[in-house]
Amino acid sequence: MCSRFCPKISPLLFLLHVLTVAGLGINEYLYFQVLSPADIRYIFQTNLAKDFGGIFHTRYEQIYLVPTDPPHACGDLSNGAFVQDQIALVERGACSFLSKARVIQEHGGRAVIISDNTYDGDSAYVEMVKDGSTHSTHIPALYLLGKDGYMIRRSLEVHGLPWAVISIPVNVSAMATFQLKQPPWTLW
């Protein structure tokens, strides 16, 4: 119950506030920016899992985006020590979205970004839902287009880097249009 000190706020306004704090806009996308390597220094669009996972309570100005080994992250990770306290980049396939999020959570990851496993996928966002199990996870789980995930991984391979440095979430509604450096291969 709300005491006399609680402001009266409409449910719609409260939802808008929650989405804004979480770094989301009205369209329910969440954005991150690659800071390094420079050749993929773009703002990428993702969407949150529909019915599992948490939200970002903190804005990370610089955090590592670590591609997992193996890429599908359906079991133990050979680079699990690098995932701890960072954000994992995982490929879709071989197990459920929730299973991937649980593996990353078990390795101490702060969030997981799951990219489509089709490298030319540049327009269709998938709605990530629970797998029917009773399991859950509290870390944010985000879906990234396949082409975006592929280009990030390719850049890291070319530069011989184990991770990218990113900022997440990015509030694009507060940015001027000319500051929105979107990937040239993706249309929002």
Protein backbone atom coordinates (compact mmCIF):
# COMPACT_ATOMS: atom_id res chain seq x y z
CA MET A 1 0.00 0.00 0.00
CA CYS A 2 1.13 3.50 -0.68
CA SER A 3 1.32 5.88 2.27
CA ARG A 4 0.74 9.62 2.14
CA PHE A 5 4.37 10.05 0.98
CA CYS A 6 3.94 8.10 -2.26
CA PRO A 7 3.19 10.20 -5.32
CA LYS A 8 0.18 9.14 -7.36
CA ILE A 9 1.37 8.14 -10.79
CA SER A 10 -0.49 6.57 -13.68
CA PRO A 11 0.46 2.99 -14.63
CA LEU A 12 1.46 4.15 -18.13
CA LEU A 13 3.73 6.88 -16.77
CA PHE A 14 5.26 4.40 -14.31
CA LEU A 15 5.97 1.92 -17.15
CA LEU A 16 7.56 4.67 -19.22
CA HIS A 17 9.76 5.58 -16.23
CA VAL A 18 10.84 1.94 -15.74
CA LEU A 19 11.71 1.60 -19.44
CA THR A 20 13.68 4.84 -19.39
CA VAL A 21 15.66 3.81 -16.32
CA ALA A 22 16.39 0.48 -18.00
CA GLY A 23 17.80 2.29 -21.02
CA LEU A 24 14.88 1.40 -23.23
CA GLY A 25 12.84 3.58 -25.45
CA ILE A 26 9.18 3.35 -26.33
CA ASN A 27 9.98 0.80 -29.04
CA GLU A 28 11.51 -1.55 -26.39
CA TYR A 29 14.94 -1.77 -28.01
CA LEU A 30 18.12 -1.46 -26.02
CA TYR A 31 21.25 -0.01 -27.58
CA PHE A 32 24.97 -0.48 -26.99
CA GLN A 33 27.98 1.19 -28.54
CA VAL A 34 31.24 -0.49 -29.48
CA LEU A 35 34.10 1.74 -28.36
CA SER A 36 36.93 -0.51 -29.54
CA PRO A 37 38.02 -1.77 -32.05
CA ALA A 38 37.54 1.45 -34.00
CA ASP A 39 36.44 -0.18 -37.27
CA ILE A 40 33.16 -1.29 -35.67
CA ARG A 41 32.61 1.78 -33.50
CA TYR A 42 28.86 1.82 -34.08
CA ILE A 43 25.68 1.87 -32.03
CA PHE A 44 23.92 -1.50 -32.20
CA GLN A 45 20.25 -2.20 -31.55
CA THR A 46 19.10 -5.22 -29.53
CA ASN A 47 15.88 -6.36 -27.93
CA LEU A 48 15.40 -7.92 -24.50
CA ALA A 49 14.18 -11.44 -23.88
CA LYS A 50 10.42 -11.47 -23.58
CA ASP A 51 9.80 -13.48 -20.42
CA PHE A 52 13.12 -14.20 -18.71
CA GLY A 53 16.23 -12.38 -17.61
CA GLY A 54 16.82 -9.12 -15.84
CA ILE A 55 17.23 -5.49 -16.77
CA PHE A 56 20.24 -3.20 -16.61
CA HIS A 57 20.33 -1.43 -13.27
CA THR A 58 23.71 0.08 -14.09
CA ARG A 59 25.09 1.85 -17.13
CA TYR A 60 28.48 0.48 -18.07
CA GLU A 61 30.67 3.16 -19.68
CA GLN A 62 33.33 0.59 -20.57
CA ILE A 63 32.85 -3.14 -20.23
CA TYR A 64 34.14 -6.06 -22.27
CA LEU A 65 31.95 -7.86 -24.79
CA VAL A 66 33.48 -11.34 -24.81
CA PRO A 67 32.68 -13.83 -27.60
CA THR A 68 32.28 -17.21 -25.94
CA ASP A 69 34.23 -20.35 -26.75
CA PRO A 70 32.38 -22.39 -27.90
CA PRO A 71 30.20 -19.81 -29.67
CA HIS A 72 26.85 -21.47 -28.78
CA ALA A 73 27.60 -21.47 -25.02
CA CYS A 74 25.46 -24.50 -24.26
CA GLY A 75 27.86 -25.94 -21.68
CA ASP A 76 31.18 -25.22 -20.04
CA LEU A 77 33.16 -22.38 -21.62
CA SER A 78 36.89 -22.63 -22.29
CA ASN A 79 37.10 -18.84 -21.83
CA GLY A 80 34.71 -18.68 -18.88
CA ALA A 81 37.24 -16.74 -16.76
CA PHE A 82 37.06 -13.89 -19.31
CA VAL A 83 33.25 -13.84 -19.15
CA GLN A 84 33.21 -13.22 -15.40
CA ASP A 85 31.97 -9.67 -14.62
CA GLN A 86 31.68 -8.92 -18.35
CA ILE A 87 29.05 -9.28 -21.08
CA ALA A 88 29.10 -12.40 -23.24
CA LEU A 89 28.49 -12.53 -26.98
CA VAL A 90 26.88 -15.86 -27.87
CA GLU A 91 25.57 -17.40 -31.10
CA ARG A 92 22.04 -18.70 -31.45
CA GLY A 93 21.51 -22.45 -31.87
CA ALA A 94 22.21 -25.87 -30.25
CA CYS A 95 20.22 -25.06 -27.04
CA SER A 96 17.56 -22.66 -25.80
CA PHE A 97 18.05 -18.94 -25.22
CA LEU A 98 17.39 -19.46 -21.51
CA SER A 99 20.02 -22.23 -21.34
CA LYS A 100 22.60 -19.87 -22.85
CA ALA A 101 21.73 -17.14 -20.35
CA ARG A 102 22.06 -19.62 -17.48
CA VAL A 103 25.51 -20.74 -18.67
CA ILE A 104 26.68 -17.13 -18.81
CA GLN A 105 25.18 -16.42 -15.39
CA GLU A 106 26.94 -19.50 -13.96
CA HIS A 107 30.24 -18.14 -15.33
CA GLY A 108 29.62 -14.81 -13.56
CA GLY A 109 28.62 -12.79 -16.64
CA ARG A 110 26.67 -9.56 -16.12
CA ALA A 111 24.58 -10.03 -19.28
CA VAL A 112 24.40 -12.05 -22.48
CA ILE A 113 23.94 -10.82 -26.05
CA ILE A 114 22.76 -13.62 -28.32
CA SER A 115 23.27 -12.99 -32.02
CA ASP A 116 21.46 -14.85 -34.74
CA ASN A 117 23.51 -17.64 -36.31
CA THR A 118 22.71 -16.51 -39.86
CA TYR A 119 25.50 -14.18 -40.89
CA ASP A 120 23.39 -12.34 -43.44
CA GLY A 121 20.48 -11.80 -41.01
CA ASP A 122 20.13 -8.03 -40.89
CA SER A 123 16.45 -7.30 -40.41
CA ALA A 124 14.48 -9.87 -38.38
CA TYR A 125 14.53 -9.69 -34.58
CA VAL A 126 13.59 -12.91 -32.81
CA GLU A 127 11.43 -12.90 -29.71
CA MET A 128 13.40 -14.81 -27.08
CA VAL A 129 11.06 -16.72 -24.75
CA LYS A 130 11.45 -19.27 -21.95
CA ASP A 131 12.10 -22.85 -22.95
CA GLY A 132 9.27 -24.40 -20.91
CA SER A 133 11.54 -25.36 -18.01
CA THR A 134 11.17 -24.05 -14.48
CA HIS A 135 14.66 -22.50 -14.62
CA SER A 136 15.23 -18.78 -14.60
CA THR A 137 18.04 -16.25 -14.78
CA HIS A 138 18.47 -12.75 -13.42
CA ILE A 139 20.99 -11.37 -15.93
CA PRO A 140 19.77 -9.38 -18.95
CA ALA A 141 19.48 -11.39 -22.16
CA LEU A 142 19.53 -9.44 -25.42
CA TYR A 143 19.02 -10.46 -29.04
CA LEU A 144 21.32 -9.05 -31.76
CA LEU A 145 20.95 -9.36 -35.52
CA GLY A 146 23.17 -12.01 -37.10
CA LYS A 147 25.01 -9.62 -39.39
CA ASP A 148 25.88 -7.36 -36.43
CA GLY A 149 27.21 -10.29 -34.39
CA TYR A 150 29.18 -11.58 -37.35
CA MET A 151 30.78 -8.18 -38.04
CA ILE A 152 31.79 -7.77 -34.38
CA ARG A 153 33.34 -11.26 -34.27
CA ARG A 154 35.09 -10.75 -37.62
CA SER A 155 36.62 -7.45 -36.48
CA LEU A 156 37.93 -9.08 -33.30
CA GLU A 157 39.47 -11.92 -35.32
CA VAL A 158 41.12 -9.49 -37.78
CA HIS A 159 42.64 -7.51 -34.92
CA GLY A 160 43.51 -10.61 -32.85
CA LEU A 161 41.48 -9.32 -29.90
CA PRO A 162 39.72 -11.50 -27.30
CA TRP A 163 36.94 -8.93 -26.70
CA ALA A 164 35.44 -5.60 -27.70
CA VAL A 165 34.99 -2.66 -25.35
CA ILE A 166 31.39 -1.45 -25.23
CA SER A 167 29.12 1.03 -23.45
CA ILE A 168 25.68 -0.29 -22.50
CA PRO A 169 22.87 0.74 -22.37
CA VAL A 170 23.06 3.82 -24.57
CA ASN A 171 20.19 6.29 -24.48
CA VAL A 172 19.74 7.11 -28.18
CA SER A 173 16.72 9.31 -27.54
CA ALA A 174 19.04 11.88 -25.97
CA MET A 175 21.44 11.87 -28.93
CA ALA A 176 21.35 14.14 -31.94
CA THR A 177 20.67 12.27 -35.18
CA PHE A 178 24.14 12.97 -36.54
CA GLN A 179 25.66 11.30 -33.44
CA LEU A 180 23.84 8.02 -34.12
CA LYS A 181 26.59 6.15 -35.90
CA GLN A 182 24.69 3.08 -37.03
CA PRO A 183 26.32 0.12 -38.77
CA PRO A 184 26.26 0.81 -42.53
CA TRP A 185 24.96 -2.72 -43.24
CA THR A 186 21.91 -2.41 -40.95
CA LEU A 187 18.79 -0.28 -41.32
CA TRP A 188 16.79 0.59 -38.21
